[in-house]
């Protein structure tokens, strides 16, 4: 109701300023200018409220309101793709910061020379999963490699997986006897105390073979909690996919989230462009996108999904 009231107020404000602008047009330039400026502000406010309302309507699935667990893995290509994975990590961290979302690193494996071998994040904020589900898939980067002395153009790939965080609200029937815990040494940068104790934890759900690991904390207890959280998210995600299988079969977007299909290409050379292959959305300001301004891509993907599911 609060959203509807705000929308109605923004609409009424605009109507009033429209009337005043029309009347002050005869009164004099200064008054007319002031009324027009206020009218423009009221119009912008209404447009913003409408966008917000549309987004909330698009984020209507039960799981859309959950926090998100996001994983990034570089594709083949060593340092080149590990650096690209780190660029994506920065992109999502910046995006979260702009929205005021909390970011918790559950697992982090640094690259050998640069970049990262893998990272698992938990992003907490209103509709975190609903927004971030648009990012699931393969992201491709085309650029002149900073790691290639010959200055050749390279194509790198990284996969992003996003799952709703099941949290404590979701009831999942996980038997203690179905879980196997393996404790091992963290494989962080050499010589640091993170290596000296066996604190990293891998938990496997035996009936499904699904596993999760965490080696970010020196405390085995913390790592166990984080690994269990990721495992729970994976199992919850699997249940959601089963539930949605019939619905997904009805729309063409199904294969757009499969591993092996590129969802978005970021081109830095020979021209600069970010293109989403599902929606056709393009952005020329690549630096802004890599700095976390991915809202338009997310919005258009939600619209695309909505259209696919309701036609």
C-alpha atoms as a PDB file:
ATOM      1  CA  UNK A   1       0.000   0.000   0.000  1.00  0.00           C
ATOM      2  CA  UNK A   2       2.842   2.404   0.814  1.00  0.00           C
ATOM      3  CA  UNK A   3       4.221   1.980  -2.725  1.00  0.00           C
ATOM      4  CA  UNK A   4       0.789   2.693  -4.240  1.00  0.00           C
ATOM      5  CA  UNK A   5       0.394   5.840  -2.078  1.00  0.00           C
ATOM      6  CA  UNK A   6       3.856   7.099  -3.123  1.00  0.00           C
ATOM      7  CA  UNK A   7       3.001   6.440  -6.765  1.00  0.00           C
ATOM      8  CA  UNK A   8      -0.322   8.291  -6.476  1.00  0.00           C
ATOM      9  CA  UNK A   9       1.337  11.237  -4.683  1.00  0.00           C
ATOM     10  CA  UNK A  10       4.037  11.509  -7.418  1.00  0.00           C
ATOM     11  CA  UNK A  11       1.285  11.454 -10.071  1.00  0.00           C
ATOM     12  CA  UNK A  12      -0.813  14.123  -8.274  1.00  0.00           C
ATOM     13  CA  UNK A  13       2.262  16.353  -7.750  1.00  0.00           C
ATOM     14  CA  UNK A  14       3.000  16.219 -11.460  1.00  0.00           C
ATOM     15  CA  UNK A  15      -0.620  17.112 -12.338  1.00  0.00           C
ATOM     16  CA  UNK A  16      -0.482  20.142  -9.999  1.00  0.00           C
ATOM     17  CA  UNK A  17       2.801  21.436 -11.458  1.00  0.00           C
ATOM     18  CA  UNK A  18       1.445  20.912 -14.974  1.00  0.00           C
ATOM     19  CA  UNK A  19      -1.535  23.111 -14.102  1.00  0.00           C
ATOM     20  CA  UNK A  20       0.709  25.749 -12.474  1.00  0.00           C
ATOM     21  CA  UNK A  21       3.092  25.731 -15.440  1.00  0.00           C
ATOM     22  CA  UNK A  22       0.173  26.318 -17.802  1.00  0.00           C
ATOM     23  CA  UNK A  23      -1.149  29.200 -15.677  1.00  0.00           C
ATOM     24  CA  UNK A  24       2.228  30.847 -15.028  1.00  0.00           C
ATOM     25  CA  UNK A  25       3.009  30.833 -18.743  1.00  0.00           C
ATOM     26  CA  UNK A  26       0.845  33.965 -18.940  1.00  0.00           C
ATOM     27  CA  UNK A  27       2.212  35.498 -15.697  1.00  0.00           C
ATOM     28  CA  UNK A  28       5.881  35.926 -16.616  1.00  0.00           C
ATOM     29  CA  UNK A  29       9.123  34.222 -17.598  1.00  0.00           C
ATOM     30  CA  UNK A  30      10.626  33.704 -14.103  1.00  0.00           C
ATOM     31  CA  UNK A  31       7.518  32.073 -12.667  1.00  0.00           C
ATOM     32  CA  UNK A  32       7.041  29.944 -15.774  1.00  0.00           C
ATOM     33  CA  UNK A  33      10.669  28.801 -15.609  1.00  0.00           C
ATOM     34  CA  UNK A  34      10.320  27.858 -11.941  1.00  0.00           C
ATOM     35  CA  UNK A  35       7.096  25.925 -12.580  1.00  0.00           C
ATOM     36  CA  UNK A  36       8.673  24.074 -15.525  1.00  0.00           C
ATOM     37  CA  UNK A  37      11.692  23.070 -13.439  1.00  0.00           C
ATOM     38  CA  UNK A  38       9.418  21.740 -10.691  1.00  0.00           C
ATOM     39  CA  UNK A  39       7.334  19.945 -13.313  1.00  0.00           C
ATOM     40  CA  UNK A  40      10.479  18.248 -14.666  1.00  0.00           C
ATOM     41  CA  UNK A  41      11.421  17.151 -11.129  1.00  0.00           C
ATOM     42  CA  UNK A  42       7.921  15.784 -10.498  1.00  0.00           C
ATOM     43  CA  UNK A  43       8.014  13.918 -13.817  1.00  0.00           C
ATOM     44  CA  UNK A  44      11.403  12.376 -12.961  1.00  0.00           C
ATOM     45  CA  UNK A  45      10.063  11.321  -9.537  1.00  0.00           C
ATOM     46  CA  UNK A  46       7.016   9.666 -11.128  1.00  0.00           C
ATOM     47  CA  UNK A  47       9.168   7.870 -13.720  1.00  0.00           C
ATOM     48  CA  UNK A  48      11.470   6.617 -10.951  1.00  0.00           C
ATOM     49  CA  UNK A  49       8.486   5.374  -8.885  1.00  0.00           C
ATOM     50  CA  UNK A  50       7.033   3.602 -11.941  1.00  0.00           C
ATOM     51  CA  UNK A  51      10.373   1.880 -12.668  1.00  0.00           C
ATOM     52  CA  UNK A  52      10.610   0.769  -9.035  1.00  0.00           C
ATOM     53  CA  UNK A  53       7.033  -0.585  -9.080  1.00  0.00           C
ATOM     54  CA  UNK A  54       7.661  -2.436 -12.346  1.00  0.00           C
ATOM     55  CA  UNK A  55      10.800  -4.048 -10.895  1.00  0.00           C
ATOM     56  CA  UNK A  56       8.987  -5.187  -7.754  1.00  0.00           C
ATOM     57  CA  UNK A  57       6.271  -6.743  -9.931  1.00  0.00           C
ATOM     58  CA  UNK A  58       8.933  -8.529 -11.988  1.00  0.00           C
ATOM     59  CA  UNK A  59      10.576  -9.832  -8.795  1.00  0.00           C
ATOM     60  CA  UNK A  60       7.492 -11.738  -7.735  1.00  0.00           C
ATOM     61  CA  UNK A  61       8.896 -15.279  -7.321  1.00  0.00           C
ATOM     62  CA  UNK A  62       9.156 -16.488  -3.737  1.00  0.00           C
ATOM     63  CA  UNK A  63      12.936 -16.931  -3.964  1.00  0.00           C
ATOM     64  CA  UNK A  64      13.525 -13.458  -5.504  1.00  0.00           C
ATOM     65  CA  UNK A  65      13.431 -11.882  -2.061  1.00  0.00           C
ATOM     66  CA  UNK A  66      16.257 -14.086  -0.734  1.00  0.00           C
ATOM     67  CA  UNK A  67      19.883 -13.091  -0.293  1.00  0.00           C
ATOM     68  CA  UNK A  68      22.186 -14.465  -2.992  1.00  0.00           C
ATOM     69  CA  UNK A  69      25.183 -16.770  -3.064  1.00  0.00           C
ATOM     70  CA  UNK A  70      27.343 -15.937  -6.062  1.00  0.00           C
ATOM     71  CA  UNK A  71      30.303 -17.958  -7.372  1.00  0.00           C
ATOM     72  CA  UNK A  72      32.830 -16.971 -10.030  1.00  0.00           C
ATOM     73  CA  UNK A  73      35.132 -19.462 -11.768  1.00  0.00           C
ATOM     74  CA  UNK A  74      37.603 -18.607 -14.541  1.00  0.00           C
ATOM     75  CA  UNK A  75      37.495 -20.654 -17.735  1.00  0.00           C
ATOM     76  CA  UNK A  76      40.515 -22.262 -19.382  1.00  0.00           C
ATOM     77  CA  UNK A  77      43.387 -19.882 -20.061  1.00  0.00           C
ATOM     78  CA  UNK A  78      45.349 -19.504 -16.823  1.00  0.00           C
ATOM     79  CA  UNK A  79      46.311 -16.006 -15.703  1.00  0.00           C
ATOM     80  CA  UNK A  80      44.292 -14.328 -18.466  1.00  0.00           C
ATOM     81  CA  UNK A  81      40.937 -15.768 -17.394  1.00  0.00           C
ATOM     82  CA  UNK A  82      41.821 -15.635 -13.674  1.00  0.00           C
ATOM     83  CA  UNK A  83      42.329 -11.873 -14.069  1.00  0.00           C
ATOM     84  CA  UNK A  84      38.953 -11.642 -15.851  1.00  0.00           C
ATOM     85  CA  UNK A  85      37.297 -13.519 -12.945  1.00  0.00           C
ATOM     86  CA  UNK A  86      38.742 -10.924 -10.556  1.00  0.00           C
ATOM     87  CA  UNK A  87      37.403  -8.090 -12.736  1.00  0.00           C
ATOM     88  CA  UNK A  88      33.929  -9.652 -12.434  1.00  0.00           C
ATOM     89  CA  UNK A  89      34.379  -9.969  -8.664  1.00  0.00           C
ATOM     90  CA  UNK A  90      35.112  -6.230  -8.525  1.00  0.00           C
ATOM     91  CA  UNK A  91      32.083  -5.515 -10.740  1.00  0.00           C
ATOM     92  CA  UNK A  92      29.661  -7.315  -8.404  1.00  0.00           C
ATOM     93  CA  UNK A  93      31.289  -5.914  -5.264  1.00  0.00           C
ATOM     94  CA  UNK A  94      30.915  -2.364  -6.640  1.00  0.00           C
ATOM     95  CA  UNK A  95      27.313  -3.073  -7.694  1.00  0.00           C
ATOM     96  CA  UNK A  96      26.512  -4.298  -4.172  1.00  0.00           C
ATOM     97  CA  UNK A  97      28.195  -1.265  -2.554  1.00  0.00           C
ATOM     98  CA  UNK A  98      26.098   1.146  -4.636  1.00  0.00           C
ATOM     99  CA  UNK A  99      22.928  -0.625  -3.504  1.00  0.00           C
ATOM    100  CA  UNK A 100      24.043  -0.713   0.108  1.00  0.00           C
ATOM    101  CA  UNK A 101      24.132  -4.530   0.100  1.00  0.00           C
ATOM    102  CA  UNK A 102      26.402  -6.412   2.498  1.00  0.00           C
ATOM    103  CA  UNK A 103      29.028  -8.671   0.899  1.00  0.00           C
ATOM    104  CA  UNK A 104      30.538 -11.607   2.768  1.00  0.00           C
ATOM    105  CA  UNK A 105      33.364 -13.653   1.262  1.00  0.00           C
ATOM    106  CA  UNK A 106      32.651 -17.321   2.000  1.00  0.00           C
ATOM    107  CA  UNK A 107      35.492 -18.812  -0.029  1.00  0.00           C
ATOM    108  CA  UNK A 108      38.421 -17.300  -1.953  1.00  0.00           C
ATOM    109  CA  UNK A 109      41.199 -18.965  -3.928  1.00  0.00           C
ATOM    110  CA  UNK A 110      43.806 -16.537  -5.353  1.00  0.00           C
ATOM    111  CA  UNK A 111      45.334 -17.065  -8.798  1.00  0.00           C
ATOM    112  CA  UNK A 112      48.952 -18.148  -9.207  1.00  0.00           C
ATOM    113  CA  UNK A 113      50.193 -14.877 -10.742  1.00  0.00           C
ATOM    114  CA  UNK A 114      47.147 -12.618 -10.805  1.00  0.00           C
ATOM    115  CA  UNK A 115      43.390 -12.789 -10.456  1.00  0.00           C
ATOM    116  CA  UNK A 116      41.429 -15.557  -8.754  1.00  0.00           C
ATOM    117  CA  UNK A 117      40.868 -19.283  -9.209  1.00  0.00           C
ATOM    118  CA  UNK A 118      37.449 -19.116  -7.552  1.00  0.00           C
ATOM    119  CA  UNK A 119      35.378 -17.023  -5.192  1.00  0.00           C
ATOM    120  CA  UNK A 120      32.081 -17.542  -3.357  1.00  0.00           C
ATOM    121  CA  UNK A 121      30.218 -14.508  -2.027  1.00  0.00           C
ATOM    122  CA  UNK A 122      27.065 -14.003  -0.036  1.00  0.00           C
ATOM    123  CA  UNK A 123      25.265 -10.771  -0.973  1.00  0.00           C
ATOM    124  CA  UNK A 124      22.581  -9.574   1.446  1.00  0.00           C
ATOM    125  CA  UNK A 125      19.991  -6.935   0.618  1.00  0.00           C
ATOM    126  CA  UNK A 126      16.412  -6.510  -0.636  1.00  0.00           C
ATOM    127  CA  UNK A 127      15.784  -8.887  -3.588  1.00  0.00           C
ATOM    128  CA  UNK A 128      19.498  -9.692  -3.928  1.00  0.00           C
ATOM    129  CA  UNK A 129      18.816 -13.035  -5.646  1.00  0.00           C
ATOM    130  CA  UNK A 130      16.046 -11.552  -7.807  1.00  0.00           C
ATOM    131  CA  UNK A 131      18.459  -9.012  -9.285  1.00  0.00           C
ATOM    132  CA  UNK A 132      21.524 -11.252  -9.516  1.00  0.00           C
ATOM    133  CA  UNK A 133      19.868 -14.251 -11.203  1.00  0.00           C
ATOM    134  CA  UNK A 134      20.375 -12.314 -14.462  1.00  0.00           C
ATOM    135  CA  UNK A 135      24.138 -12.874 -14.074  1.00  0.00           C
ATOM    136  CA  UNK A 136      24.096 -16.686 -14.161  1.00  0.00           C
ATOM    137  CA  UNK A 137      26.060 -18.025 -17.137  1.00  0.00           C
ATOM    138  CA  UNK A 138      29.267 -17.485 -19.108  1.00  0.00           C
ATOM    139  CA  UNK A 139      30.772 -13.999 -19.367  1.00  0.00           C
ATOM    140  CA  UNK A 140      33.225 -13.373 -22.227  1.00  0.00           C
ATOM    141  CA  UNK A 141      35.954 -10.704 -22.344  1.00  0.00           C
ATOM    142  CA  UNK A 142      37.761  -9.586 -25.527  1.00  0.00           C
ATOM    143  CA  UNK A 143      40.786  -7.334 -24.994  1.00  0.00           C
ATOM    144  CA  UNK A 144      44.479  -6.751 -25.645  1.00  0.00           C
ATOM    145  CA  UNK A 145      46.031  -8.842 -22.893  1.00  0.00           C
ATOM    146  CA  UNK A 146      48.134  -7.015 -20.282  1.00  0.00           C
ATOM    147  CA  UNK A 147      49.936 -10.353 -19.776  1.00  0.00           C
ATOM    148  CA  UNK A 148      50.963 -10.776 -23.429  1.00  0.00           C
ATOM    149  CA  UNK A 149      54.202  -8.993 -24.395  1.00  0.00           C
ATOM    150  CA  UNK A 150      53.200  -9.235 -28.085  1.00  0.00           C
ATOM    151  CA  UNK A 151      50.072  -7.175 -27.423  1.00  0.00           C
ATOM    152  CA  UNK A 152      47.730  -9.699 -29.038  1.00  0.00           C
ATOM    153  CA  UNK A 153      43.996  -9.744 -28.594  1.00  0.00           C
ATOM    154  CA  UNK A 154      42.713 -12.417 -26.197  1.00  0.00           C
ATOM    155  CA  UNK A 155      39.287 -13.861 -25.462  1.00  0.00           C
ATOM    156  CA  UNK A 156      38.706 -14.962 -21.861  1.00  0.00           C
ATOM    157  CA  UNK A 157      35.775 -16.691 -20.232  1.00  0.00           C
ATOM    158  CA  UNK A 158      34.467 -16.897 -16.666  1.00  0.00           C
ATOM    159  CA  UNK A 159      31.352 -18.588 -15.330  1.00  0.00           C
ATOM    160  CA  UNK A 160      29.057 -16.992 -12.781  1.00  0.00           C
ATOM    161  CA  UNK A 161      26.614 -19.089 -10.771  1.00  0.00           C
ATOM    162  CA  UNK A 162      23.953 -17.535  -8.566  1.00  0.00           C
ATOM    163  CA  UNK A 163      21.789 -19.330  -6.014  1.00  0.00           C
ATOM    164  CA  UNK A 164      19.198 -18.073  -3.537  1.00  0.00           C
ATOM    165  CA  UNK A 165      20.530 -18.271   0.012  1.00  0.00           C
ATOM    166  CA  UNK A 166      18.193 -20.716   1.753  1.00  0.00           C
ATOM    167  CA  UNK A 167      19.012 -19.075   5.100  1.00  0.00           C
ATOM    168  CA  UNK A 168      17.199 -20.263   8.220  1.00  0.00           C
ATOM    169  CA  UNK A 169      13.667 -19.630   6.929  1.00  0.00           C
ATOM    170  CA  UNK A 170      13.665 -22.470   4.386  1.00  0.00           C
ATOM    171  CA  UNK A 171      12.942 -25.960   5.644  1.00  0.00           C
ATOM    172  CA  UNK A 172      15.237 -28.467   3.934  1.00  0.00           C
ATOM    173  CA  UNK A 173      15.217 -32.091   4.997  1.00  0.00           C
ATOM    174  CA  UNK A 174      18.950 -32.734   5.371  1.00  0.00           C
ATOM    175  CA  UNK A 175      19.894 -35.678   7.559  1.00  0.00           C
ATOM    176  CA  UNK A 176      23.170 -35.433   9.474  1.00  0.00           C
ATOM    177  CA  UNK A 177      23.941 -39.014   8.374  1.00  0.00           C
ATOM    178  CA  UNK A 178      23.756 -37.888   4.704  1.00  0.00           C
ATOM    179  CA  UNK A 179      26.631 -35.433   5.172  1.00  0.00           C
ATOM    180  CA  UNK A 180      30.342 -36.159   4.922  1.00  0.00           C
ATOM    181  CA  UNK A 181      32.831 -33.583   6.192  1.00  0.00           C
ATOM    182  CA  UNK A 182      36.427 -33.511   4.927  1.00  0.00           C
ATOM    183  CA  UNK A 183      38.969 -31.294   6.674  1.00  0.00           C
ATOM    184  CA  UNK A 184      42.053 -30.214   4.737  1.00  0.00           C
ATOM    185  CA  UNK A 185      44.720 -27.509   4.618  1.00  0.00           C
ATOM    186  CA  UNK A 186      43.863 -24.210   2.997  1.00  0.00           C
ATOM    187  CA  UNK A 187      45.769 -23.555  -0.200  1.00  0.00           C
ATOM    188  CA  UNK A 188      46.251 -19.806   0.192  1.00  0.00           C
ATOM    189  CA  UNK A 189      49.444 -17.908  -0.703  1.00  0.00           C
ATOM    190  CA  UNK A 190      52.527 -19.757   0.584  1.00  0.00           C
ATOM    191  CA  UNK A 191      54.037 -19.038   3.962  1.00  0.00           C
ATOM    192  CA  UNK A 192      50.946 -17.552   5.574  1.00  0.00           C
ATOM    193  CA  UNK A 193      49.469 -18.982   8.745  1.00  0.00           C
ATOM    194  CA  UNK A 194      46.335 -19.941   6.815  1.00  0.00           C
ATOM    195  CA  UNK A 195      48.333 -22.979   5.600  1.00  0.00           C
ATOM    196  CA  UNK A 196      49.637 -24.210   8.909  1.00  0.00           C
ATOM    197  CA  UNK A 197      46.355 -25.599  10.261  1.00  0.00           C
ATOM    198  CA  UNK A 198      43.891 -27.955   8.657  1.00  0.00           C
ATOM    199  CA  UNK A 199      40.924 -25.603   8.867  1.00  0.00           C
ATOM    200  CA  UNK A 200      39.431 -25.773   5.352  1.00  0.00           C
ATOM    201  CA  UNK A 201      36.187 -27.744   5.189  1.00  0.00           C
ATOM    202  CA  UNK A 202      34.445 -29.591   2.364  1.00  0.00           C
ATOM    203  CA  UNK A 203      30.951 -30.922   2.993  1.00  0.00           C
ATOM    204  CA  UNK A 204      29.339 -33.470   0.650  1.00  0.00           C
ATOM    205  CA  UNK A 205      25.658 -34.395   0.528  1.00  0.00           C
ATOM    206  CA  UNK A 206      25.965 -38.123  -0.157  1.00  0.00           C
ATOM    207  CA  UNK A 207      22.531 -38.795  -1.744  1.00  0.00           C
ATOM    208  CA  UNK A 208      23.042 -36.120  -4.444  1.00  0.00           C
ATOM    209  CA  UNK A 209      26.848 -35.879  -4.578  1.00  0.00           C
ATOM    210  CA  UNK A 210      26.547 -32.088  -4.242  1.00  0.00           C
ATOM    211  CA  UNK A 211      29.390 -30.526  -2.276  1.00  0.00           C
ATOM    212  CA  UNK A 212      30.625 -27.153  -1.050  1.00  0.00           C
ATOM    213  CA  UNK A 213      33.874 -26.019   0.487  1.00  0.00           C
ATOM    214  CA  UNK A 214      35.138 -23.079   2.468  1.00  0.00           C
ATOM    215  CA  UNK A 215      38.693 -22.170   3.412  1.00  0.00           C
ATOM    216  CA  UNK A 216      38.382 -18.475   4.056  1.00  0.00           C
ATOM    217  CA  UNK A 217      38.583 -18.409   7.848  1.00  0.00           C
ATOM    218  CA  UNK A 218      41.319 -19.767  10.099  1.00  0.00           C
ATOM    219  CA  UNK A 219      38.538 -21.203  12.266  1.00  0.00           C
ATOM    220  CA  UNK A 220      37.350 -24.653  11.251  1.00  0.00           C
ATOM    221  CA  UNK A 221      33.995 -23.930  12.885  1.00  0.00           C
ATOM    222  CA  UNK A 222      33.379 -20.817  10.734  1.00  0.00           C
ATOM    223  CA  UNK A 223      34.426 -22.675   7.606  1.00  0.00           C
ATOM    224  CA  UNK A 224      32.043 -25.516   8.445  1.00  0.00           C
ATOM    225  CA  UNK A 225      29.152 -23.052   8.895  1.00  0.00           C
ATOM    226  CA  UNK A 226      29.916 -21.302   5.592  1.00  0.00           C
ATOM    227  CA  UNK A 227      30.313 -24.578   3.673  1.00  0.00           C
ATOM    228  CA  UNK A 228      26.972 -25.795   5.063  1.00  0.00           C
ATOM    229  CA  UNK A 229      25.323 -22.512   4.023  1.00  0.00           C
ATOM    230  CA  UNK A 230      26.577 -22.898   0.439  1.00  0.00           C
ATOM    231  CA  UNK A 231      25.578 -26.577   0.361  1.00  0.00           C
ATOM    232  CA  UNK A 232      22.095 -25.690   1.599  1.00  0.00           C
ATOM    233  CA  UNK A 233      21.818 -23.022  -1.125  1.00  0.00           C
ATOM    234  CA  UNK A 234      22.852 -25.580  -3.772  1.00  0.00           C
ATOM    235  CA  UNK A 235      20.264 -28.102  -2.576  1.00  0.00           C
ATOM    236  CA  UNK A 236      17.582 -25.393  -2.382  1.00  0.00           C
ATOM    237  CA  UNK A 237      18.504 -24.239  -5.885  1.00  0.00           C
ATOM    238  CA  UNK A 238      18.224 -27.834  -7.153  1.00  0.00           C
ATOM    239  CA  UNK A 239      14.719 -28.102  -5.644  1.00  0.00           C
ATOM    240  CA  UNK A 240      13.710 -24.809  -7.305  1.00  0.00           C
ATOM    241  CA  UNK A 241      15.029 -26.013 -10.664  1.00  0.00           C
ATOM    242  CA  UNK A 242      13.031 -29.224 -10.337  1.00  0.00           C
ATOM    243  CA  UNK A 243       9.928 -27.236  -9.455  1.00  0.00           C
ATOM    244  CA  UNK A 244      10.460 -24.890 -12.402  1.00  0.00           C
ATOM    245  CA  UNK A 245      11.428 -27.593 -14.921  1.00  0.00           C
ATOM    246  CA  UNK A 246       7.992 -27.753 -16.517  1.00  0.00           C
ATOM    247  CA  UNK A 247       7.634 -23.997 -16.623  1.00  0.00           C
ATOM    248  CA  UNK A 248      11.153 -23.571 -18.015  1.00  0.00           C
ATOM    249  CA  UNK A 249      10.473 -26.087 -20.761  1.00  0.00           C
ATOM    250  CA  UNK A 250       7.832 -23.716 -22.051  1.00  0.00           C
ATOM    251  CA  UNK A 251      10.139 -20.823 -22.814  1.00  0.00           C
ATOM    252  CA  UNK A 252      13.179 -20.397 -24.986  1.00  0.00           C
ATOM    253  CA  UNK A 253      15.336 -18.762 -22.298  1.00  0.00           C
ATOM    254  CA  UNK A 254      16.005 -22.152 -20.763  1.00  0.00           C
ATOM    255  CA  UNK A 255      19.280 -22.767 -22.593  1.00  0.00           C
ATOM    256  CA  UNK A 256      20.485 -19.213 -21.967  1.00  0.00           C
ATOM    257  CA  UNK A 257      21.562 -20.165 -18.444  1.00  0.00           C
ATOM    258  CA  UNK A 258      23.261 -23.438 -19.369  1.00  0.00           C
ATOM    259  CA  UNK A 259      27.004 -23.738 -18.864  1.00  0.00           C
ATOM    260  CA  UNK A 260      28.670 -23.289 -22.249  1.00  0.00           C
ATOM    261  CA  UNK A 261      26.387 -20.534 -23.528  1.00  0.00           C
ATOM    262  CA  UNK A 262      27.718 -16.989 -23.360  1.00  0.00           C
ATOM    263  CA  UNK A 263      25.212 -14.630 -21.838  1.00  0.00           C
ATOM    264  CA  UNK A 264      27.257 -11.447 -22.183  1.00  0.00           C
ATOM    265  CA  UNK A 265      30.321 -10.228 -24.078  1.00  0.00           C
ATOM    266  CA  UNK A 266      32.515  -7.366 -22.849  1.00  0.00           C
ATOM    267  CA  UNK A 267      34.618  -6.041 -25.746  1.00  0.00           C
ATOM    268  CA  UNK A 268      37.493  -3.641 -24.954  1.00  0.00           C
ATOM    269  CA  UNK A 269      39.279  -3.902 -28.343  1.00  0.00           C
ATOM    270  CA  UNK A 270      38.974  -3.221 -31.276  1.00  0.00           C
ATOM    271  CA  UNK A 271      35.852  -1.284 -30.157  1.00  0.00           C
ATOM    272  CA  UNK A 272      34.223  -0.828 -26.752  1.00  0.00           C
ATOM    273  CA  UNK A 273      30.864  -2.462 -26.121  1.00  0.00           C
ATOM    274  CA  UNK A 274      29.082  -4.709 -23.617  1.00  0.00           C
ATOM    275  CA  UNK A 275      26.317  -6.810 -25.187  1.00  0.00           C
ATOM    276  CA  UNK A 276      23.842  -9.174 -23.544  1.00  0.00           C
ATOM    277  CA  UNK A 277      23.079 -12.005 -25.965  1.00  0.00           C
ATOM    278  CA  UNK A 278      19.697 -12.865 -24.435  1.00  0.00           C
ATOM    279  CA  UNK A 279      18.073  -9.443 -24.451  1.00  0.00           C
ATOM    280  CA  UNK A 280      20.157  -7.580 -27.050  1.00  0.00           C
ATOM    281  CA  UNK A 281      20.882  -4.841 -24.461  1.00  0.00           C
ATOM    282  CA  UNK A 282      24.088  -2.925 -25.275  1.00  0.00           C
ATOM    283  CA  UNK A 283      26.212  -0.378 -23.399  1.00  0.00           C
ATOM    284  CA  UNK A 284      29.104   1.610 -24.849  1.00  0.00           C
ATOM    285  CA  UNK A 285      30.509   2.777 -21.515  1.00  0.00           C
ATOM    286  CA  UNK A 286      32.386  -0.443 -20.690  1.00  0.00           C
ATOM    287  CA  UNK A 287      34.228   1.140 -17.747  1.00  0.00           C
ATOM    288  CA  UNK A 288      30.930   2.047 -16.055  1.00  0.00           C
ATOM    289  CA  UNK A 289      29.615  -1.511 -16.526  1.00  0.00           C
ATOM    290  CA  UNK A 290      32.830  -3.011 -15.111  1.00  0.00           C
ATOM    291  CA  UNK A 291      32.436  -0.547 -12.237  1.00  0.00           C
ATOM    292  CA  UNK A 292      29.149  -2.225 -11.314  1.00  0.00           C
ATOM    293  CA  UNK A 293      26.586  -0.285 -13.340  1.00  0.00           C
ATOM    294  CA  UNK A 294      24.749  -3.373 -14.585  1.00  0.00           C
ATOM    295  CA  UNK A 295      21.211  -2.306 -13.570  1.00  0.00           C
ATOM    296  CA  UNK A 296      19.951  -1.884 -17.151  1.00  0.00           C
ATOM    297  CA  UNK A 297      21.109  -5.402 -18.060  1.00  0.00           C
ATOM    298  CA  UNK A 298      19.335  -6.796 -14.990  1.00  0.00           C
ATOM    299  CA  UNK A 299      16.132  -4.855 -15.642  1.00  0.00           C
ATOM    300  CA  UNK A 300      15.964  -5.925 -19.302  1.00  0.00           C
ATOM    301  CA  UNK A 301      16.663  -9.553 -18.373  1.00  0.00           C
ATOM    302  CA  UNK A 302      13.776  -9.530 -15.855  1.00  0.00           C
ATOM    303  CA  UNK A 303      11.478  -8.122 -18.551  1.00  0.00           C
ATOM    304  CA  UNK A 304      12.728 -10.760 -21.011  1.00  0.00           C
ATOM    305  CA  UNK A 305      12.070 -13.575 -18.516  1.00  0.00           C
ATOM    306  CA  UNK A 306       8.620 -12.187 -17.724  1.00  0.00           C
ATOM    307  CA  UNK A 307       7.698 -12.058 -21.432  1.00  0.00           C
ATOM    308  CA  UNK A 308       9.040 -15.590 -22.045  1.00  0.00           C
ATOM    309  CA  UNK A 309       7.090 -17.029 -19.136  1.00  0.00           C
ATOM    310  CA  UNK A 310       3.794 -15.306 -19.979  1.00  0.00           C
ATOM    311  CA  UNK A 311       3.604 -15.995 -23.692  1.00  0.00           C
END
